[in-house]
Amino acid sequence: MSTFVFRLIAPRPTFALDMTDEERSIMGRHAEHWQPLIDAGRMVAFGPVLDGTGSWGLGVVEADDEDEVRAFAQADPVVTTGTARIEVGKMLAGFVRPA
C-alpha cells in the first residue's frame, strides 16, 4: 500500500474563516465524501490547515492505486461544484504510523 497526500486549494486565503453558507454546505459534503476512507482506517490525516499563506486542506491517505485516489478526489463535491481544487501527490518515502 502506498501513501498519498492531497491538498485542497481554497478559492481565497481566508476561506476557512469566512465561508458562505453555501460553501459551508459544500464543505460538509466534502467531509462526507472522504468519510468512507476515514471509517476504513485508510485516512491518516484530514482537515483544514492555517499557515502564513492562509487556509488550505490536507489529506493523507493510504491506497494501492494512485488513479483511484485521483478519481476519488475529482468526484469530491468541492471539485465538482468548482468551489476548490485538489492536488494529489504520492509520498516516495517516509514513515506512516503503523495500522
PDB file of N, CA and C in Angstrom:
ATOM      1  N   MET A   1       0.852  -1.179   0.000  1.00  0.00           N
ATOM      2  CA  MET A   1       0.000   0.000   0.000  1.00  0.00           C
ATOM      3  C   MET A   1       0.897   1.241   0.000  1.00  0.00           C
ATOM      4  N   SER A   2       0.525   2.241  -0.766  1.00  0.00           N
ATOM      5  CA  SER A   2       1.264   3.499  -0.862  1.00  0.00           C
ATOM      6  C   SER A   2       0.527   4.589  -0.095  1.00  0.00           C
ATOM      7  N   THR A   3       1.240   5.662   0.174  1.00  0.00           N
ATOM      8  CA  THR A   3       0.657   6.804   0.871  1.00  0.00           C
ATOM      9  C   THR A   3       0.597   7.986  -0.082  1.00  0.00           C
ATOM     10  N   PHE A   4      -0.567   8.636  -0.117  1.00  0.00           N
ATOM     11  CA  PHE A   4      -0.793   9.779  -0.989  1.00  0.00           C
ATOM     12  C   PHE A   4      -1.174  10.987  -0.153  1.00  0.00           C
ATOM     13  N   VAL A   5      -0.797  12.148  -0.624  1.00  0.00           N
ATOM     14  CA  VAL A   5      -1.118  13.402   0.041  1.00  0.00           C
ATOM     15  C   VAL A   5      -1.978  14.210  -0.917  1.00  0.00           C
ATOM     16  N   PHE A   6      -3.055  14.775  -0.399  1.00  0.00           N
ATOM     17  CA  PHE A   6      -3.799  15.709  -1.233  1.00  0.00           C
ATOM     18  C   PHE A   6      -3.909  17.039  -0.530  1.00  0.00           C
ATOM     19  N   ARG A   7      -3.927  18.067  -1.349  1.00  0.00           N
ATOM     20  CA  ARG A   7      -4.035  19.440  -0.859  1.00  0.00           C
ATOM     21  C   ARG A   7      -5.250  20.078  -1.507  1.00  0.00           C
ATOM     22  N   LEU A   8      -6.158  20.559  -0.687  1.00  0.00           N
ATOM     23  CA  LEU A   8      -7.326  21.273  -1.177  1.00  0.00           C
ATOM     24  C   LEU A   8      -6.933  22.744  -1.288  1.00  0.00           C
ATOM     25  N   ILE A   9      -6.997  23.260  -2.486  1.00  0.00           N
ATOM     26  CA  ILE A   9      -6.668  24.658  -2.743  1.00  0.00           C
ATOM     27  C   ILE A   9      -7.959  25.459  -2.691  1.00  0.00           C
ATOM     28  N   ALA A  10      -8.088  26.261  -1.642  1.00  0.00           N
ATOM     29  CA  ALA A  10      -9.303  27.039  -1.421  1.00  0.00           C
ATOM     30  C   ALA A  10      -9.383  28.219  -2.398  1.00  0.00           C
ATOM     31  N   PRO A  11     -10.586  28.767  -2.591  1.00  0.00           N
ATOM     32  CA  PRO A  11     -10.751  29.865  -3.538  1.00  0.00           C
ATOM     33  C   PRO A  11     -10.148  31.197  -3.058  1.00  0.00           C
ATOM     34  N   ARG A  12      -9.833  31.283  -1.764  1.00  0.00           N
ATOM     35  CA  ARG A  12      -9.229  32.512  -1.223  1.00  0.00           C
ATOM     36  C   ARG A  12      -8.520  32.153   0.080  1.00  0.00           C
ATOM     37  N   PRO A  13      -7.516  32.898   0.470  1.00  0.00           N
ATOM     38  CA  PRO A  13      -6.739  32.560   1.667  1.00  0.00           C
ATOM     39  C   PRO A  13      -7.561  32.509   2.955  1.00  0.00           C
ATOM     40  N   THR A  14      -8.628  33.278   3.035  1.00  0.00           N
ATOM     41  CA  THR A  14      -9.428  33.350   4.258  1.00  0.00           C
ATOM     42  C   THR A  14     -10.593  32.360   4.273  1.00  0.00           C
ATOM     43  N   PHE A  15     -10.641  31.464   3.315  1.00  0.00           N
ATOM     44  CA  PHE A  15     -11.788  30.574   3.107  1.00  0.00           C
ATOM     45  C   PHE A  15     -12.241  29.858   4.386  1.00  0.00           C
ATOM     46  N   ALA A  16     -11.326  29.288   5.150  1.00  0.00           N
ATOM     47  CA  ALA A  16     -11.700  28.532   6.350  1.00  0.00           C
ATOM     48  C   ALA A  16     -12.341  29.416   7.410  1.00  0.00           C
ATOM     49  N   LEU A  17     -12.097  30.710   7.336  1.00  0.00           N
ATOM     50  CA  LEU A  17     -12.590  31.631   8.352  1.00  0.00           C
ATOM     51  C   LEU A  17     -13.849  32.387   7.931  1.00  0.00           C
ATOM     52  N   ASP A  18     -14.122  32.442   6.617  1.00  0.00           N
ATOM     53  CA  ASP A  18     -15.247  33.272   6.168  1.00  0.00           C
ATOM     54  C   ASP A  18     -16.109  32.615   5.087  1.00  0.00           C
ATOM     55  N   MET A  19     -16.288  31.302   5.181  1.00  0.00           N
ATOM     56  CA  MET A  19     -17.126  30.603   4.207  1.00  0.00           C
ATOM     57  C   MET A  19     -18.553  31.141   4.224  1.00  0.00           C
ATOM     58  N   THR A  20     -19.145  31.183   3.051  1.00  0.00           N
ATOM     59  CA  THR A  20     -20.566  31.499   2.964  1.00  0.00           C
ATOM     60  C   THR A  20     -21.352  30.264   3.411  1.00  0.00           C
ATOM     61  N   ASP A  21     -22.652  30.423   3.608  1.00  0.00           N
ATOM     62  CA  ASP A  21     -23.485  29.278   3.979  1.00  0.00           C
ATOM     63  C   ASP A  21     -23.436  28.191   2.907  1.00  0.00           C
ATOM     64  N   GLU A  22     -23.453  28.605   1.640  1.00  0.00           N
ATOM     65  CA  GLU A  22     -23.380  27.637   0.543  1.00  0.00           C
ATOM     66  C   GLU A  22     -22.044  26.896   0.561  1.00  0.00           C
ATOM     67  N   GLU A  23     -20.946  27.633   0.746  1.00  0.00           N
ATOM     68  CA  GLU A  23     -19.632  26.993   0.811  1.00  0.00           C
ATOM     69  C   GLU A  23     -19.536  26.046   2.000  1.00  0.00           C
ATOM     70  N   ARG A  24     -20.096  26.430   3.138  1.00  0.00           N
ATOM     71  CA  ARG A  24     -20.081  25.574   4.328  1.00  0.00           C
ATOM     72  C   ARG A  24     -20.844  24.271   4.047  1.00  0.00           C
ATOM     73  N   SER A  25     -21.956  24.366   3.331  1.00  0.00           N
ATOM     74  CA  SER A  25     -22.718  23.180   2.955  1.00  0.00           C
ATOM     75  C   SER A  25     -21.888  22.263   2.053  1.00  0.00           C
ATOM     76  N   ILE A  26     -21.219  22.850   1.085  1.00  0.00           N
ATOM     77  CA  ILE A  26     -20.368  22.068   0.177  1.00  0.00           C
ATOM     78  C   ILE A  26     -19.231  21.418   0.956  1.00  0.00           C
ATOM     79  N   MET A  27     -18.648  22.132   1.910  1.00  0.00           N
ATOM     80  CA  MET A  27     -17.563  21.562   2.708  1.00  0.00           C
ATOM     81  C   MET A  27     -18.080  20.411   3.574  1.00  0.00           C
ATOM     82  N   GLY A  28     -19.326  20.479   4.016  1.00  0.00           N
ATOM     83  CA  GLY A  28     -19.916  19.355   4.735  1.00  0.00           C
ATOM     84  C   GLY A  28     -20.016  18.126   3.853  1.00  0.00           C
ATOM     85  N   ARG A  29     -20.419  18.334   2.604  1.00  0.00           N
ATOM     86  CA  ARG A  29     -20.490  17.227   1.641  1.00  0.00           C
ATOM     87  C   ARG A  29     -19.091  16.712   1.314  1.00  0.00           C
ATOM     88  N   HIS A  30     -18.109  17.615   1.282  1.00  0.00           N
ATOM     89  CA  HIS A  30     -16.705  17.241   1.067  1.00  0.00           C
ATOM     90  C   HIS A  30     -16.261  16.275   2.171  1.00  0.00           C
ATOM     91  N   ALA A  31     -16.527  16.612   3.431  1.00  0.00           N
ATOM     92  CA  ALA A  31     -16.147  15.741   4.549  1.00  0.00           C
ATOM     93  C   ALA A  31     -16.859  14.387   4.448  1.00  0.00           C
ATOM     94  N   GLU A  32     -18.135  14.407   4.109  1.00  0.00           N
ATOM     95  CA  GLU A  32     -18.897  13.160   3.945  1.00  0.00           C
ATOM     96  C   GLU A  32     -18.315  12.300   2.833  1.00  0.00           C
ATOM     97  N   HIS A  33     -17.824  12.942   1.774  1.00  0.00           N
ATOM     98  CA  HIS A  33     -17.247  12.223   0.636  1.00  0.00           C
ATOM     99  C   HIS A  33     -16.050  11.383   1.076  1.00  0.00           C
ATOM    100  N   TRP A  34     -15.205  11.933   1.943  1.00  0.00           N
ATOM    101  CA  TRP A  34     -13.995  11.245   2.387  1.00  0.00           C
ATOM    102  C   TRP A  34     -14.241  10.333   3.582  1.00  0.00           C
ATOM    103  N   GLN A  35     -15.407  10.406   4.211  1.00  0.00           N
ATOM    104  CA  GLN A  35     -15.696   9.631   5.418  1.00  0.00           C
ATOM    105  C   GLN A  35     -15.487   8.123   5.245  1.00  0.00           C
ATOM    106  N   PRO A  36     -15.838   7.516   4.113  1.00  0.00           N
ATOM    107  CA  PRO A  36     -15.591   6.075   3.979  1.00  0.00           C
ATOM    108  C   PRO A  36     -14.113   5.694   4.128  1.00  0.00           C
ATOM    109  N   LEU A  37     -13.212   6.551   3.674  1.00  0.00           N
ATOM    110  CA  LEU A  37     -11.787   6.256   3.828  1.00  0.00           C
ATOM    111  C   LEU A  37     -11.350   6.438   5.281  1.00  0.00           C
ATOM    112  N   ILE A  38     -11.973   7.380   5.971  1.00  0.00           N
ATOM    113  CA  ILE A  38     -11.708   7.558   7.406  1.00  0.00           C
ATOM    114  C   ILE A  38     -12.205   6.321   8.151  1.00  0.00           C
ATOM    115  N   ASP A  39     -13.435   5.908   7.857  1.00  0.00           N
ATOM    116  CA  ASP A  39     -14.032   4.748   8.528  1.00  0.00           C
ATOM    117  C   ASP A  39     -13.234   3.468   8.259  1.00  0.00           C
ATOM    118  N   ALA A  40     -12.667   3.351   7.072  1.00  0.00           N
ATOM    119  CA  ALA A  40     -11.894   2.167   6.705  1.00  0.00           C
ATOM    120  C   ALA A  40     -10.479   2.184   7.285  1.00  0.00           C
ATOM    121  N   GLY A  41     -10.096   3.271   7.951  1.00  0.00           N
ATOM    122  CA  GLY A  41      -8.762   3.372   8.522  1.00  0.00           C
ATOM    123  C   GLY A  41      -7.680   3.691   7.509  1.00  0.00           C
ATOM    124  N   ARG A  42      -8.075   4.107   6.325  1.00  0.00           N
ATOM    125  CA  ARG A  42      -7.107   4.426   5.274  1.00  0.00           C
ATOM    126  C   ARG A  42      -6.673   5.888   5.300  1.00  0.00           C
ATOM    127  N   MET A  43      -7.450   6.747   5.970  1.00  0.00           N
ATOM    128  CA  MET A  43      -7.116   8.165   6.059  1.00  0.00           C
ATOM    129  C   MET A  43      -6.220   8.358   7.276  1.00  0.00           C
ATOM    130  N   VAL A  44      -5.011   8.835   7.046  1.00  0.00           N
ATOM    131  CA  VAL A  44      -4.045   9.047   8.119  1.00  0.00           C
ATOM    132  C   VAL A  44      -4.275  10.403   8.778  1.00  0.00           C
ATOM    133  N   ALA A  45      -4.552  11.420   7.980  1.00  0.00           N
ATOM    134  CA  ALA A  45      -4.812  12.772   8.474  1.00  0.00           C
ATOM    135  C   ALA A  45      -5.746  13.458   7.495  1.00  0.00           C
ATOM    136  N   PHE A  46      -6.601  14.354   8.026  1.00  0.00           N
ATOM    137  CA  PHE A  46      -7.585  15.033   7.177  1.00  0.00           C
ATOM    138  C   PHE A  46      -8.056  16.277   7.908  1.00  0.00           C
ATOM    139  N   GLY A  47      -7.974  17.435   7.260  1.00  0.00           N
ATOM    140  CA  GLY A  47      -8.522  18.626   7.883  1.00  0.00           C
ATOM    141  C   GLY A  47      -7.925  19.915   7.361  1.00  0.00           C
ATOM    142  N   PRO A  48      -8.469  21.031   7.838  1.00  0.00           N
ATOM    143  CA  PRO A  48      -8.006  22.347   7.402  1.00  0.00           C
ATOM    144  C   PRO A  48      -6.696  22.725   8.083  1.00  0.00           C
ATOM    145  N   VAL A  49      -5.900  23.499   7.363  1.00  0.00           N
ATOM    146  CA  VAL A  49      -4.612  23.986   7.857  1.00  0.00           C
ATOM    147  C   VAL A  49      -4.605  25.502   7.718  1.00  0.00           C
ATOM    148  N   LEU A  50      -4.140  26.186   8.739  1.00  0.00           N
ATOM    149  CA  LEU A  50      -3.915  27.629   8.680  1.00  0.00           C
ATOM    150  C   LEU A  50      -2.418  27.858   8.783  1.00  0.00           C
ATOM    151  N   ASP A  51      -1.877  28.621   7.847  1.00  0.00           N
ATOM    152  CA  ASP A  51      -0.465  28.984   7.917  1.00  0.00           C
ATOM    153  C   ASP A  51      -0.298  30.419   7.443  1.00  0.00           C
ATOM    154  N   GLY A  52       0.906  30.847   7.220  1.00  0.00           N
ATOM    155  CA  GLY A  52       1.176  32.221   6.827  1.00  0.00           C
ATOM    156  C   GLY A  52       0.596  32.619   5.484  1.00  0.00           C
ATOM    157  N   THR A  53       0.209  31.646   4.671  1.00  0.00           N
ATOM    158  CA  THR A  53      -0.375  31.947   3.358  1.00  0.00           C
ATOM    159  C   THR A  53      -1.889  31.966   3.384  1.00  0.00           C
ATOM    160  N   GLY A  54      -2.479  31.509   4.483  1.00  0.00           N
ATOM    161  CA  GLY A  54      -3.937  31.440   4.575  1.00  0.00           C
ATOM    162  C   GLY A  54      -4.380  30.050   4.959  1.00  0.00           C
ATOM    163  N   SER A  55      -5.493  29.609   4.389  1.00  0.00           N
ATOM    164  CA  SER A  55      -6.039  28.296   4.733  1.00  0.00           C
ATOM    165  C   SER A  55      -6.041  27.383   3.521  1.00  0.00           C
ATOM    166  N   TRP A  56      -5.866  26.103   3.792  1.00  0.00           N
ATOM    167  CA  TRP A  56      -5.930  25.075   2.762  1.00  0.00           C
ATOM    168  C   TRP A  56      -6.242  23.755   3.465  1.00  0.00           C
ATOM    169  N   GLY A  57      -6.597  22.740   2.715  1.00  0.00           N
ATOM    170  CA  GLY A  57      -6.948  21.460   3.297  1.00  0.00           C
ATOM    171  C   GLY A  57      -5.878  20.420   3.044  1.00  0.00           C
ATOM    172  N   LEU A  58      -5.695  19.524   4.005  1.00  0.00           N
ATOM    173  CA  LEU A  58      -4.695  18.470   3.909  1.00  0.00           C
ATOM    174  C   LEU A  58      -5.350  17.118   4.111  1.00  0.00           C
ATOM    175  N   GLY A  59      -4.983  16.172   3.302  1.00  0.00           N
ATOM    176  CA  GLY A  59      -5.382  14.786   3.491  1.00  0.00           C
ATOM    177  C   GLY A  59      -4.198  13.886   3.218  1.00  0.00           C
ATOM    178  N   VAL A  60      -4.037  12.880   4.035  1.00  0.00           N
ATOM    179  CA  VAL A  60      -3.017  11.855   3.826  1.00  0.00           C
ATOM    180  C   VAL A  60      -3.751  10.525   3.859  1.00  0.00           C
ATOM    181  N   VAL A  61      -3.675   9.800   2.758  1.00  0.00           N
ATOM    182  CA  VAL A  61      -4.478   8.588   2.613  1.00  0.00           C
ATOM    183  C   VAL A  61      -3.616   7.441   2.088  1.00  0.00           C
ATOM    184  N   GLU A  62      -3.900   6.249   2.561  1.00  0.00           N
ATOM    185  CA  GLU A  62      -3.220   5.052   2.084  1.00  0.00           C
ATOM    186  C   GLU A  62      -4.099   4.370   1.042  1.00  0.00           C
ATOM    187  N   ALA A  63      -3.482   3.977  -0.070  1.00  0.00           N
ATOM    188  CA  ALA A  63      -4.225   3.328  -1.146  1.00  0.00           C
ATOM    189  C   ALA A  63      -3.264   2.508  -1.989  1.00  0.00           C
ATOM    190  N   ASP A  64      -3.803   1.545  -2.717  1.00  0.00           N
ATOM    191  CA  ASP A  64      -2.991   0.725  -3.613  1.00  0.00           C
ATOM    192  C   ASP A  64      -2.767   1.391  -4.956  1.00  0.00           C
ATOM    193  N   ASP A  65      -3.672   2.286  -5.322  1.00  0.00           N
ATOM    194  CA  ASP A  65      -3.690   2.779  -6.695  1.00  0.00           C
ATOM    195  C   ASP A  65      -3.826   4.298  -6.729  1.00  0.00           C
ATOM    196  N   GLU A  66      -2.856   4.963  -7.324  1.00  0.00           N
ATOM    197  CA  GLU A  66      -2.896   6.425  -7.425  1.00  0.00           C
ATOM    198  C   GLU A  66      -4.076   6.894  -8.267  1.00  0.00           C
ATOM    199  N   ASP A  67      -4.393   6.168  -9.313  1.00  0.00           N
ATOM    200  CA  ASP A  67      -5.530   6.557 -10.158  1.00  0.00           C
ATOM    201  C   ASP A  67      -6.832   6.540  -9.362  1.00  0.00           C
ATOM    202  N   GLU A  68      -6.960   5.575  -8.447  1.00  0.00           N
ATOM    203  CA  GLU A  68      -8.144   5.507  -7.600  1.00  0.00           C
ATOM    204  C   GLU A  68      -8.258   6.763  -6.726  1.00  0.00           C
ATOM    205  N   VAL A  69      -7.144   7.188  -6.142  1.00  0.00           N
ATOM    206  CA  VAL A  69      -7.147   8.378  -5.290  1.00  0.00           C
ATOM    207  C   VAL A  69      -7.478   9.613  -6.122  1.00  0.00           C
ATOM    208  N   ARG A  70      -6.873   9.726  -7.292  1.00  0.00           N
ATOM    209  CA  ARG A  70      -7.138  10.883  -8.159  1.00  0.00           C
ATOM    210  C   ARG A  70      -8.599  10.924  -8.596  1.00  0.00           C
ATOM    211  N   ALA A  71      -9.161   9.790  -8.969  1.00  0.00           N
ATOM    212  CA  ALA A  71     -10.567   9.746  -9.387  1.00  0.00           C
ATOM    213  C   ALA A  71     -11.480  10.096  -8.215  1.00  0.00           C
ATOM    214  N   PHE A  72     -11.164   9.600  -7.031  1.00  0.00           N
ATOM    215  CA  PHE A  72     -11.968   9.900  -5.854  1.00  0.00           C
ATOM    216  C   PHE A  72     -11.929  11.394  -5.556  1.00  0.00           C
ATOM    217  N   ALA A  73     -10.734  11.984  -5.658  1.00  0.00           N
ATOM    218  CA  ALA A  73     -10.586  13.426  -5.416  1.00  0.00           C
ATOM    219  C   ALA A  73     -11.378  14.232  -6.444  1.00  0.00           C
ATOM    220  N   GLN A  74     -11.369  13.812  -7.693  1.00  0.00           N
ATOM    221  CA  GLN A  74     -12.084  14.544  -8.738  1.00  0.00           C
ATOM    222  C   GLN A  74     -13.599  14.452  -8.576  1.00  0.00           C
ATOM    223  N   ALA A  75     -14.083  13.434  -7.852  1.00  0.00           N
ATOM    224  CA  ALA A  75     -15.515  13.296  -7.588  1.00  0.00           C
ATOM    225  C   ALA A  75     -15.941  14.044  -6.327  1.00  0.00           C
ATOM    226  N   ASP A  76     -15.000  14.649  -5.627  1.00  0.00           N
ATOM    227  CA  ASP A  76     -15.287  15.397  -4.397  1.00  0.00           C
ATOM    228  C   ASP A  76     -16.200  16.576  -4.740  1.00  0.00           C
ATOM    229  N   PRO A  77     -17.237  16.825  -3.932  1.00  0.00           N
ATOM    230  CA  PRO A  77     -18.136  17.954  -4.196  1.00  0.00           C
ATOM    231  C   PRO A  77     -17.443  19.314  -4.284  1.00  0.00           C
ATOM    232  N   VAL A  78     -16.318  19.513  -3.595  1.00  0.00           N
ATOM    233  CA  VAL A  78     -15.631  20.805  -3.740  1.00  0.00           C
ATOM    234  C   VAL A  78     -15.093  20.976  -5.152  1.00  0.00           C
ATOM    235  N   VAL A  79     -14.727  19.867  -5.785  1.00  0.00           N
ATOM    236  CA  VAL A  79     -14.209  19.917  -7.159  1.00  0.00           C
ATOM    237  C   VAL A  79     -15.357  20.000  -8.153  1.00  0.00           C
ATOM    238  N   THR A  80     -16.366  19.148  -7.978  1.00  0.00           N
ATOM    239  CA  THR A  80     -17.458  19.097  -8.959  1.00  0.00           C
ATOM    240  C   THR A  80     -18.273  20.387  -8.982  1.00  0.00           C
ATOM    241  N   THR A  81     -18.291  21.130  -7.866  1.00  0.00           N
ATOM    242  CA  THR A  81     -19.015  22.408  -7.827  1.00  0.00           C
ATOM    243  C   THR A  81     -18.127  23.587  -8.213  1.00  0.00           C
ATOM    244  N   GLY A  82     -16.830  23.343  -8.384  1.00  0.00           N
ATOM    245  CA  GLY A  82     -15.913  24.430  -8.705  1.00  0.00           C
ATOM    246  C   GLY A  82     -15.559  25.298  -7.497  1.00  0.00           C
ATOM    247  N   THR A  83     -15.863  24.821  -6.297  1.00  0.00           N
ATOM    248  CA  THR A  83     -15.582  25.585  -5.087  1.00  0.00           C
ATOM    249  C   THR A  83     -14.092  25.634  -4.785  1.00  0.00           C
ATOM    250  N   ALA A  84     -13.394  24.551  -5.038  1.00  0.00           N
ATOM    251  CA  ALA A  84     -11.956  24.458  -4.777  1.00  0.00           C
ATOM    252  C   ALA A  84     -11.376  23.439  -5.739  1.00  0.00           C
ATOM    253  N   ARG A  85     -10.071  23.265  -5.663  1.00  0.00           N
ATOM    254  CA  ARG A  85      -9.446  22.216  -6.464  1.00  0.00           C
ATOM    255  C   ARG A  85      -8.563  21.386  -5.548  1.00  0.00           C
ATOM    256  N   ILE A  86      -8.266  20.178  -5.984  1.00  0.00           N
ATOM    257  CA  ILE A  86      -7.463  19.267  -5.186  1.00  0.00           C
ATOM    258  C   ILE A  86      -6.272  18.800  -6.004  1.00  0.00           C
ATOM    259  N   GLU A  87      -5.096  18.902  -5.395  1.00  0.00           N
ATOM    260  CA  GLU A  87      -3.866  18.383  -5.983  1.00  0.00           C
ATOM    261  C   GLU A  87      -3.492  17.111  -5.235  1.00  0.00           C
ATOM    262  N   VAL A  88      -3.056  16.076  -5.962  1.00  0.00           N
ATOM    263  CA  VAL A  88      -2.691  14.801  -5.350  1.00  0.00           C
ATOM    264  C   VAL A  88      -1.236  14.503  -5.661  1.00  0.00           C
ATOM    265  N   GLY A  89      -0.513  14.014  -4.657  1.00  0.00           N
ATOM    266  CA  GLY A  89       0.864  13.586  -4.835  1.00  0.00           C
ATOM    267  C   GLY A  89       1.107  12.287  -4.097  1.00  0.00           C
ATOM    268  N   LYS A  90       2.115  11.556  -4.505  1.00  0.00           N
ATOM    269  CA  LYS A  90       2.475  10.287  -3.875  1.00  0.00           C
ATOM    270  C   LYS A  90       3.723  10.490  -3.026  1.00  0.00           C
ATOM    271  N   MET A  91       3.683  10.014  -1.803  1.00  0.00           N
ATOM    272  CA  MET A  91       4.873  10.057  -0.960  1.00  0.00           C
ATOM    273  C   MET A  91       5.818   8.972  -1.454  1.00  0.00           C
ATOM    274  N   LEU A  92       7.050   9.346  -1.732  1.00  0.00           N
ATOM    275  CA  LEU A  92       8.014   8.372  -2.247  1.00  0.00           C
ATOM    276  C   LEU A  92       8.713   7.609  -1.132  1.00  0.00           C
ATOM    277  N   ALA A  93       8.848   8.230   0.013  1.00  0.00           N
ATOM    278  CA  ALA A  93       9.496   7.578   1.162  1.00  0.00           C
ATOM    279  C   ALA A  93       8.996   8.262   2.412  1.00  0.00           C
ATOM    280  N   GLY A  94       9.313   7.724   3.537  1.00  0.00           N
ATOM    281  CA  GLY A  94       8.925   8.345   4.785  1.00  0.00           C
ATOM    282  C   GLY A  94       8.342   7.318   5.727  1.00  0.00           C
ATOM    283  N   PHE A  95       7.754   7.805   6.780  1.00  0.00           N
ATOM    284  CA  PHE A  95       7.183   6.939   7.794  1.00  0.00           C
ATOM    285  C   PHE A  95       5.717   7.297   7.996  1.00  0.00           C
ATOM    286  N   VAL A  96       4.878   6.300   7.965  1.00  0.00           N
ATOM    287  CA  VAL A  96       3.467   6.465   8.291  1.00  0.00           C
ATOM    288  C   VAL A  96       3.192   5.538   9.463  1.00  0.00           C
ATOM    289  N   ARG A  97       2.492   6.017  10.446  1.00  0.00           N
ATOM    290  CA  ARG A  97       2.238   5.236  11.647  1.00  0.00           C
ATOM    291  C   ARG A  97       1.725   3.839  11.302  1.00  0.00           C
ATOM    292  N   PRO A  98       2.080   2.854  12.111  1.00  0.00           N
ATOM    293  CA  PRO A  98       1.563   1.502  11.862  1.00  0.00           C
ATOM    294  C   PRO A  98       0.051   1.470  12.020  1.00  0.00           C
ATOM    295  N   ALA A  99      -0.598   0.605  11.282  1.00  0.00           N
ATOM    296  CA  ALA A  99      -2.065   0.489  11.343  1.00  0.00           C
ATOM    297  C   ALA A  99      -2.518  -0.035  12.686  1.00  0.00           C
TER     298      ALA A  99
END
